[in-house]
Amino acid sequence: RDELVLWLVTSEKIEGFFELSGNNGFVYRD
């Protein structure tokens, strides 16, 4: 409920953002 962890490997350093959303209008962006 208070942590999300994602692991991935790319060929370049990532530039961008993570977004999580729900059916009740919830939106989280980092």
PDB file of all heavy atoms in Angstrom:
ATOM      1  N   ARG A   1       0.810  -1.218   0.000  1.00  0.00           N
ATOM      2  CA  ARG A   1       0.000   0.000   0.000  1.00  0.00           C
ATOM      3  C   ARG A   1       0.847   1.273   0.000  1.00  0.00           C
ATOM      4  O   ARG A   1       0.360   2.344  -0.375  1.00  0.00           O
ATOM      5  CB  ARG A   1      -0.948   0.026   1.196  1.00  0.00           C
ATOM      6  CG  ARG A   1      -0.270   0.077   2.551  1.00  0.00           C
ATOM      7  CD  ARG A   1      -1.290   0.314   3.672  1.00  0.00           C
ATOM      8  NE  ARG A   1      -2.184  -0.820   3.853  1.00  0.00           N
ATOM      9  CZ  ARG A   1      -3.466  -0.790   3.552  1.00  0.00           C
ATOM     10  NH1 ARG A   1      -4.001   0.300   3.023  1.00  0.00           N
ATOM     11  NH2 ARG A   1      -4.221  -1.848   3.764  1.00  0.00           N
ATOM     12  N   ASP A   2       2.127   1.176   0.366  1.00  0.00           N
ATOM     13  CA  ASP A   2       2.956   2.391   0.376  1.00  0.00           C
ATOM     14  C   ASP A   2       4.243   2.268  -0.447  1.00  0.00           C
ATOM     15  O   ASP A   2       5.038   3.205  -0.468  1.00  0.00           O
ATOM     16  CB  ASP A   2       3.308   2.794   1.802  1.00  0.00           C
ATOM     17  CG  ASP A   2       3.958   1.674   2.599  1.00  0.00           C
ATOM     18  OD1 ASP A   2       4.265   0.625   2.007  1.00  0.00           O
ATOM     19  OD2 ASP A   2       4.154   1.844   3.816  1.00  0.00           O
ATOM     20  N   GLU A   3       4.451   1.133  -1.136  1.00  0.00           N
ATOM     21  CA  GLU A   3       5.652   0.972  -1.951  1.00  0.00           C
ATOM     22  C   GLU A   3       5.337   0.191  -3.223  1.00  0.00           C
ATOM     23  O   GLU A   3       4.628  -0.814  -3.188  1.00  0.00           O
ATOM     24  CB  GLU A   3       6.737   0.201  -1.185  1.00  0.00           C
ATOM     25  CG  GLU A   3       7.498   0.986  -0.163  1.00  0.00           C
ATOM     26  CD  GLU A   3       8.607   0.134   0.437  1.00  0.00           C
ATOM     27  OE1 GLU A   3       8.297  -0.668   1.346  1.00  0.00           O
ATOM     28  OE2 GLU A   3       9.762   0.257   0.000  1.00  0.00           O
ATOM     29  N   LEU A   4       5.898   0.662  -4.313  1.00  0.00           N
ATOM     30  CA  LEU A   4       5.905  -0.087  -5.562  1.00  0.00           C
ATOM     31  C   LEU A   4       7.335  -0.124  -6.070  1.00  0.00           C
ATOM     32  O   LEU A   4       8.034   0.901  -6.070  1.00  0.00           O
ATOM     33  CB  LEU A   4       5.018   0.565  -6.621  1.00  0.00           C
ATOM     34  CG  LEU A   4       3.522   0.226  -6.623  1.00  0.00           C
ATOM     35  CD1 LEU A   4       2.808   1.057  -7.676  1.00  0.00           C
ATOM     36  CD2 LEU A   4       3.286  -1.255  -6.859  1.00  0.00           C
ATOM     37  N   VAL A   5       7.785  -1.301  -6.511  1.00  0.00           N
ATOM     38  CA  VAL A   5       9.153  -1.462  -6.990  1.00  0.00           C
ATOM     39  C   VAL A   5       9.115  -2.140  -8.356  1.00  0.00           C
ATOM     40  O   VAL A   5       8.508  -3.210  -8.510  1.00  0.00           O
ATOM     41  CB  VAL A   5      10.013  -2.282  -6.008  1.00  0.00           C
ATOM     42  CG1 VAL A   5      11.417  -2.463  -6.553  1.00  0.00           C
ATOM     43  CG2 VAL A   5      10.061  -1.599  -4.637  1.00  0.00           C
ATOM     44  N   LEU A   6       9.750  -1.505  -9.329  1.00  0.00           N
ATOM     45  CA  LEU A   6       9.879  -2.053 -10.674  1.00  0.00           C
ATOM     46  C   LEU A   6      11.356  -2.209 -11.013  1.00  0.00           C
ATOM     47  O   LEU A   6      12.177  -1.347 -10.676  1.00  0.00           O
ATOM     48  CB  LEU A   6       9.235  -1.132 -11.720  1.00  0.00           C
ATOM     49  CG  LEU A   6       7.715  -1.166 -11.901  1.00  0.00           C
ATOM     50  CD1 LEU A   6       7.323  -0.112 -12.918  1.00  0.00           C
ATOM     51  CD2 LEU A   6       7.243  -2.533 -12.354  1.00  0.00           C
ATOM     52  N   TRP A   7      11.683  -3.303 -11.696  1.00  0.00           N
ATOM     53  CA  TRP A   7      13.053  -3.569 -12.136  1.00  0.00           C
ATOM     54  C   TRP A   7      13.049  -3.724 -13.646  1.00  0.00           C
ATOM     55  O   TRP A   7      12.183  -4.405 -14.209  1.00  0.00           O
ATOM     56  CB  TRP A   7      13.557  -4.844 -11.472  1.00  0.00           C
ATOM     57  CG  TRP A   7      14.961  -5.264 -11.826  1.00  0.00           C
ATOM     58  CD1 TRP A   7      16.100  -4.964 -11.132  1.00  0.00           C
ATOM     59  CD2 TRP A   7      15.365  -6.100 -12.924  1.00  0.00           C
ATOM     60  NE1 TRP A   7      17.190  -5.560 -11.736  1.00  0.00           N
ATOM     61  CE2 TRP A   7      16.772  -6.252 -12.845  1.00  0.00           C
ATOM     62  CE3 TRP A   7      14.684  -6.716 -13.963  1.00  0.00           C
ATOM     63  CZ2 TRP A   7      17.492  -7.008 -13.765  1.00  0.00           C
ATOM     64  CZ3 TRP A   7      15.409  -7.463 -14.894  1.00  0.00           C
ATOM     65  CH2 TRP A   7      16.793  -7.600 -14.788  1.00  0.00           C
ATOM     66  N   LEU A   8      13.989  -3.064 -14.294  1.00  0.00           N
ATOM     67  CA  LEU A   8      14.123  -3.233 -15.736  1.00  0.00           C
ATOM     68  C   LEU A   8      15.544  -2.901 -16.160  1.00  0.00           C
ATOM     69  O   LEU A   8      16.305  -2.250 -15.426  1.00  0.00           O
ATOM     70  CB  LEU A   8      13.126  -2.373 -16.511  1.00  0.00           C
ATOM     71  CG  LEU A   8      13.264  -0.857 -16.465  1.00  0.00           C
ATOM     72  CD1 LEU A   8      12.581  -0.243 -17.691  1.00  0.00           C
ATOM     73  CD2 LEU A   8      12.589  -0.289 -15.213  1.00  0.00           C
ATOM     74  N   VAL A   9      15.897  -3.351 -17.358  1.00  0.00           N
ATOM     75  CA  VAL A   9      17.234  -3.127 -17.915  1.00  0.00           C
ATOM     76  C   VAL A   9      17.065  -2.526 -19.303  1.00  0.00           C
ATOM     77  O   VAL A   9      16.286  -3.041 -20.122  1.00  0.00           O
ATOM     78  CB  VAL A   9      18.044  -4.432 -17.987  1.00  0.00           C
ATOM     79  CG1 VAL A   9      19.451  -4.156 -18.527  1.00  0.00           C
ATOM     80  CG2 VAL A   9      18.121  -5.097 -16.619  1.00  0.00           C
ATOM     81  N   THR A  10      17.779  -1.441 -19.565  1.00  0.00           N
ATOM     82  CA  THR A  10      17.707  -0.761 -20.856  1.00  0.00           C
ATOM     83  C   THR A  10      19.116  -0.539 -21.400  1.00  0.00           C
ATOM     84  O   THR A  10      20.104  -0.627 -20.664  1.00  0.00           O
ATOM     85  CB  THR A  10      16.987   0.590 -20.718  1.00  0.00           C
ATOM     86  OG1 THR A  10      17.618   1.362 -19.678  1.00  0.00           O
ATOM     87  CG2 THR A  10      15.525   0.404 -20.378  1.00  0.00           C
ATOM     88  N   SER A  11      19.193  -0.235 -22.689  1.00  0.00           N
ATOM     89  CA  SER A  11      20.491   0.002 -23.328  1.00  0.00           C
ATOM     90  C   SER A  11      20.939   1.458 -23.197  1.00  0.00           C
ATOM     91  O   SER A  11      22.060   1.792 -23.554  1.00  0.00           O
ATOM     92  CB  SER A  11      20.439  -0.387 -24.806  1.00  0.00           C
ATOM     93  OG  SER A  11      19.397   0.312 -25.467  1.00  0.00           O
ATOM     94  N   GLU A  12      20.040   2.308 -22.696  1.00  0.00           N
ATOM     95  CA  GLU A  12      20.362   3.708 -22.431  1.00  0.00           C
ATOM     96  C   GLU A  12      19.778   4.089 -21.079  1.00  0.00           C
ATOM     97  O   GLU A  12      18.857   3.433 -20.583  1.00  0.00           O
ATOM     98  CB  GLU A  12      19.772   4.634 -23.503  1.00  0.00           C
ATOM     99  CG  GLU A  12      20.226   4.360 -24.912  1.00  0.00           C
ATOM    100  CD  GLU A  12      19.518   5.263 -25.911  1.00  0.00           C
ATOM    101  OE1 GLU A  12      19.116   6.389 -25.519  1.00  0.00           O
ATOM    102  OE2 GLU A  12      19.340   4.833 -27.062  1.00  0.00           O
ATOM    103  N   LYS A  13      20.289   5.160 -20.520  1.00  0.00           N
ATOM    104  CA  LYS A  13      19.703   5.667 -19.285  1.00  0.00           C
ATOM    105  C   LYS A  13      18.297   6.169 -19.569  1.00  0.00           C
ATOM    106  O   LYS A  13      18.062   6.872 -20.546  1.00  0.00           O
ATOM    107  CB  LYS A  13      20.561   6.794 -18.721  1.00  0.00           C
ATOM    108  CG  LYS A  13      20.161   7.224 -17.322  1.00  0.00           C
ATOM    109  CD  LYS A  13      21.164   8.205 -16.736  1.00  0.00           C
ATOM    110  CE  LYS A  13      20.794   8.553 -15.302  1.00  0.00           C
ATOM    111  NZ  LYS A  13      21.789   9.477 -14.689  1.00  0.00           N
ATOM    112  N   ILE A  14      17.347   5.815 -18.732  1.00  0.00           N
ATOM    113  CA  ILE A  14      15.952   6.188 -18.952  1.00  0.00           C
ATOM    114  C   ILE A  14      15.725   7.649 -18.570  1.00  0.00           C
ATOM    115  O   ILE A  14      16.170   8.110 -17.519  1.00  0.00           O
ATOM    116  CB  ILE A  14      15.007   5.294 -18.133  1.00  0.00           C
ATOM    117  CG1 ILE A  14      15.115   3.846 -18.574  1.00  0.00           C
ATOM    118  CG2 ILE A  14      13.567   5.749 -18.280  1.00  0.00           C
ATOM    119  CD1 ILE A  14      14.196   2.918 -17.820  1.00  0.00           C
ATOM    120  N   GLU A  15      15.019   8.326 -19.422  1.00  0.00           N
ATOM    121  CA  GLU A  15      14.548   9.678 -19.117  1.00  0.00           C
ATOM    122  C   GLU A  15      13.042   9.681 -19.304  1.00  0.00           C
ATOM    123  O   GLU A  15      12.537   9.381 -20.383  1.00  0.00           O
ATOM    124  CB  GLU A  15      15.210  10.698 -20.047  1.00  0.00           C
ATOM    125  CG  GLU A  15      16.721  10.767 -19.903  1.00  0.00           C
ATOM    126  CD  GLU A  15      17.358  11.710 -20.907  1.00  0.00           C
ATOM    127  OE1 GLU A  15      16.593  12.332 -21.677  1.00  0.00           O
ATOM    128  OE2 GLU A  15      18.585  11.821 -20.916  1.00  0.00           O
ATOM    129  N   GLY A  16      12.304   9.990 -18.254  1.00  0.00           N
ATOM    130  CA  GLY A  16      10.863   9.966 -18.367  1.00  0.00           C
ATOM    131  C   GLY A  16      10.216   9.859 -17.006  1.00  0.00           C
ATOM    132  O   GLY A  16      10.770  10.311 -15.998  1.00  0.00           O
ATOM    133  N   PHE A  17       9.042   9.229 -16.949  1.00  0.00           N
ATOM    134  CA  PHE A  17       8.331   9.151 -15.684  1.00  0.00           C
ATOM    135  C   PHE A  17       7.505   7.872 -15.616  1.00  0.00           C
ATOM    136  O   PHE A  17       7.204   7.227 -16.627  1.00  0.00           O
ATOM    137  CB  PHE A  17       7.436  10.379 -15.476  1.00  0.00           C
ATOM    138  CG  PHE A  17       6.418  10.599 -16.558  1.00  0.00           C
ATOM    139  CD1 PHE A  17       5.152  10.013 -16.487  1.00  0.00           C
ATOM    140  CD2 PHE A  17       6.715  11.400 -17.655  1.00  0.00           C
ATOM    141  CE1 PHE A  17       4.218  10.206 -17.484  1.00  0.00           C
ATOM    142  CE2 PHE A  17       5.773  11.599 -18.660  1.00  0.00           C
ATOM    143  CZ  PHE A  17       4.516  11.009 -18.575  1.00  0.00           C
ATOM    144  N   PHE A  18       7.152   7.522 -14.390  1.00  0.00           N
ATOM    145  CA  PHE A  18       6.293   6.377 -14.087  1.00  0.00           C
ATOM    146  C   PHE A  18       4.914   6.905 -13.726  1.00  0.00           C
ATOM    147  O   PHE A  18       4.789   7.895 -13.001  1.00  0.00           O
ATOM    148  CB  PHE A  18       6.882   5.582 -12.914  1.00  0.00           C
ATOM    149  CG  PHE A  18       5.933   4.584 -12.305  1.00  0.00           C
ATOM    150  CD1 PHE A  18       5.736   3.348 -12.893  1.00  0.00           C
ATOM    151  CD2 PHE A  18       5.250   4.874 -11.131  1.00  0.00           C
ATOM    152  CE1 PHE A  18       4.879   2.421 -12.317  1.00  0.00           C
ATOM    153  CE2 PHE A  18       4.392   3.957 -10.551  1.00  0.00           C
ATOM    154  CZ  PHE A  18       4.207   2.726 -11.157  1.00  0.00           C
ATOM    155  N   GLU A  19       3.875   6.243 -14.233  1.00  0.00           N
ATOM    156  CA  GLU A  19       2.513   6.680 -13.927  1.00  0.00           C
ATOM    157  C   GLU A  19       1.670   5.490 -13.533  1.00  0.00           C
ATOM    158  O   GLU A  19       1.699   4.439 -14.179  1.00  0.00           O
ATOM    159  CB  GLU A  19       1.890   7.393 -15.124  1.00  0.00           C
ATOM    160  CG  GLU A  19       0.512   7.990 -14.812  1.00  0.00           C
ATOM    161  CD  GLU A  19      -0.003   8.865 -15.935  1.00  0.00           C
ATOM    162  OE1 GLU A  19       0.355  10.068 -15.968  1.00  0.00           O
ATOM    163  OE2 GLU A  19      -0.747   8.336 -16.778  1.00  0.00           O
ATOM    164  N   LEU A  20       0.918   5.673 -12.454  1.00  0.00           N
ATOM    165  CA  LEU A  20      -0.010   4.664 -11.943  1.00  0.00           C
ATOM    166  C   LEU A  20      -1.386   5.313 -11.836  1.00  0.00           C
ATOM    167  O   LEU A  20      -1.510   6.427 -11.339  1.00  0.00           O
ATOM    168  CB  LEU A  20       0.449   4.166 -10.568  1.00  0.00           C
ATOM    169  CG  LEU A  20      -0.396   3.087  -9.886  1.00  0.00           C
ATOM    170  CD1 LEU A  20      -0.180   1.744 -10.567  1.00  0.00           C
ATOM    171  CD2 LEU A  20      -0.047   2.990  -8.400  1.00  0.00           C
ATOM    172  N   SER A  21      -2.398   4.613 -12.304  1.00  0.00           N
ATOM    173  CA  SER A  21      -3.743   5.185 -12.257  1.00  0.00           C
ATOM    174  C   SER A  21      -4.750   4.110 -11.864  1.00  0.00           C
ATOM    175  O   SER A  21      -4.475   2.914 -11.914  1.00  0.00           O
ATOM    176  CB  SER A  21      -4.121   5.796 -13.609  1.00  0.00           C
ATOM    177  OG  SER A  21      -4.076   4.810 -14.633  1.00  0.00           O
ATOM    178  N   GLY A  22      -5.943   4.563 -11.453  1.00  0.00           N
ATOM    179  CA  GLY A  22      -7.002   3.658 -11.042  1.00  0.00           C
ATOM    180  C   GLY A  22      -8.339   4.067 -11.610  1.00  0.00           C
ATOM    181  O   GLY A  22      -8.475   5.118 -12.253  1.00  0.00           O
ATOM    182  N   ASN A  23      -9.354   3.262 -11.330  1.00  0.00           N
ATOM    183  CA  ASN A  23     -10.677   3.530 -11.888  1.00  0.00           C
ATOM    184  C   ASN A  23     -11.386   4.705 -11.227  1.00  0.00           C
ATOM    185  O   ASN A  23     -12.333   5.252 -11.783  1.00  0.00           O
ATOM    186  CB  ASN A  23     -11.552   2.277 -11.767  1.00  0.00           C
ATOM    187  CG  ASN A  23     -11.071   1.157 -12.672  1.00  0.00           C
ATOM    188  OD1 ASN A  23     -10.568   1.409 -13.760  1.00  0.00           O
ATOM    189  ND2 ASN A  23     -11.217  -0.078 -12.215  1.00  0.00           N
ATOM    190  N   ASN A  24     -10.969   5.091 -10.046  1.00  0.00           N
ATOM    191  CA  ASN A  24     -11.654   6.153  -9.302  1.00  0.00           C
ATOM    192  C   ASN A  24     -10.937   7.495  -9.408  1.00  0.00           C
ATOM    193  O   ASN A  24     -10.995   8.315  -8.502  1.00  0.00           O
ATOM    194  CB  ASN A  24     -11.789   5.750  -7.828  1.00  0.00           C
ATOM    195  CG  ASN A  24     -12.643   4.509  -7.664  1.00  0.00           C
ATOM    196  OD1 ASN A  24     -13.623   4.337  -8.382  1.00  0.00           O
ATOM    197  ND2 ASN A  24     -12.270   3.649  -6.732  1.00  0.00           N
ATOM    198  N   GLY A  25     -10.241   7.697 -10.502  1.00  0.00           N
ATOM    199  CA  GLY A  25      -9.581   8.974 -10.705  1.00  0.00           C
ATOM    200  C   GLY A  25      -8.219   9.085 -10.048  1.00  0.00           C
ATOM    201  O   GLY A  25      -7.598  10.159 -10.092  1.00  0.00           O
ATOM    202  N   PHE A  26      -7.744   7.997  -9.437  1.00  0.00           N
ATOM    203  CA  PHE A  26      -6.429   8.052  -8.794  1.00  0.00           C
ATOM    204  C   PHE A  26      -5.328   8.128  -9.852  1.00  0.00           C
ATOM    205  O   PHE A  26      -5.333   7.373 -10.824  1.00  0.00           O
ATOM    206  CB  PHE A  26      -6.214   6.808  -7.930  1.00  0.00           C
ATOM    207  CG  PHE A  26      -4.805   6.666  -7.416  1.00  0.00           C
ATOM    208  CD1 PHE A  26      -4.389   7.358  -6.287  1.00  0.00           C
ATOM    209  CD2 PHE A  26      -3.887   5.847  -8.066  1.00  0.00           C
ATOM    210  CE1 PHE A  26      -3.091   7.228  -5.813  1.00  0.00           C
ATOM    211  CE2 PHE A  26      -2.587   5.717  -7.607  1.00  0.00           C
ATOM    212  CZ  PHE A  26      -2.202   6.410  -6.478  1.00  0.00           C
ATOM    213  N   VAL A  27      -4.398   9.040  -9.652  1.00  0.00           N
ATOM    214  CA  VAL A  27      -3.248   9.159 -10.542  1.00  0.00           C
ATOM    215  C   VAL A  27      -2.013   9.455  -9.701  1.00  0.00           C
ATOM    216  O   VAL A  27      -2.026  10.342  -8.841  1.00  0.00           O
ATOM    217  CB  VAL A  27      -3.433  10.280 -11.596  1.00  0.00           C
ATOM    218  CG1 VAL A  27      -2.167  10.428 -12.434  1.00  0.00           C
ATOM    219  CG2 VAL A  27      -4.627   9.998 -12.488  1.00  0.00           C
ATOM    220  N   TYR A  28      -0.972   8.673  -9.929  1.00  0.00           N
ATOM    221  CA  TYR A  28       0.322   8.884  -9.263  1.00  0.00           C
ATOM    222  C   TYR A  28       1.368   8.982 -10.350  1.00  0.00           C
ATOM    223  O   TYR A  28       1.392   8.183 -11.283  1.00  0.00           O
ATOM    224  CB  TYR A  28       0.624   7.725  -8.321  1.00  0.00           C
ATOM    225  CG  TYR A  28       2.031   7.725  -7.753  1.00  0.00           C
ATOM    226  CD1 TYR A  28       2.321   8.340  -6.538  1.00  0.00           C
ATOM    227  CD2 TYR A  28       3.073   7.090  -8.435  1.00  0.00           C
ATOM    228  CE1 TYR A  28       3.613   8.333  -6.011  1.00  0.00           C
ATOM    229  CE2 TYR A  28       4.365   7.082  -7.916  1.00  0.00           C
ATOM    230  CZ  TYR A  28       4.632   7.698  -6.711  1.00  0.00           C
ATOM    231  OH  TYR A  28       5.899   7.688  -6.201  1.00  0.00           O
ATOM    232  N   ARG A  29       2.253   9.968 -10.231  1.00  0.00           N
ATOM    233  CA  ARG A  29       3.310  10.142 -11.227  1.00  0.00           C
ATOM    234  C   ARG A  29       4.614  10.462 -10.502  1.00  0.00           C
ATOM    235  O   ARG A  29       4.631  11.231  -9.543  1.00  0.00           O
ATOM    236  CB  ARG A  29       2.954  11.254 -12.211  1.00  0.00           C
ATOM    237  CG  ARG A  29       4.016  11.502 -13.275  1.00  0.00           C
ATOM    238  CD  ARG A  29       3.597  12.596 -14.245  1.00  0.00           C
ATOM    239  NE  ARG A  29       2.488  12.165 -15.101  1.00  0.00           N
ATOM    240  CZ  ARG A  29       2.029  12.895 -16.105  1.00  0.00           C
ATOM    241  NH1 ARG A  29       2.552  14.070 -16.382  1.00  0.00           N
ATOM    242  NH2 ARG A  29       1.032  12.435 -16.837  1.00  0.00           N
ATOM    243  N   ASP A  30       5.713   9.855 -10.976  1.00  0.00           N
ATOM    244  CA  ASP A  30       7.020  10.116 -10.384  1.00  0.00           C
ATOM    245  C   ASP A  30       8.068  10.101 -11.480  1.00  0.00           C
ATOM    246  O   ASP A  30       7.998   9.293 -12.427  1.00  0.00           O
ATOM    247  CB  ASP A  30       7.356   9.055  -9.324  1.00  0.00           C
ATOM    248  CG  ASP A  30       8.444   9.525  -8.357  1.00  0.00           C
ATOM    249  OD1 ASP A  30       9.069  10.561  -8.624  1.00  0.00           O
ATOM    250  OD2 ASP A  30       8.664   8.837  -7.354  1.00  0.00           O
TER     251      ASP A  30
END
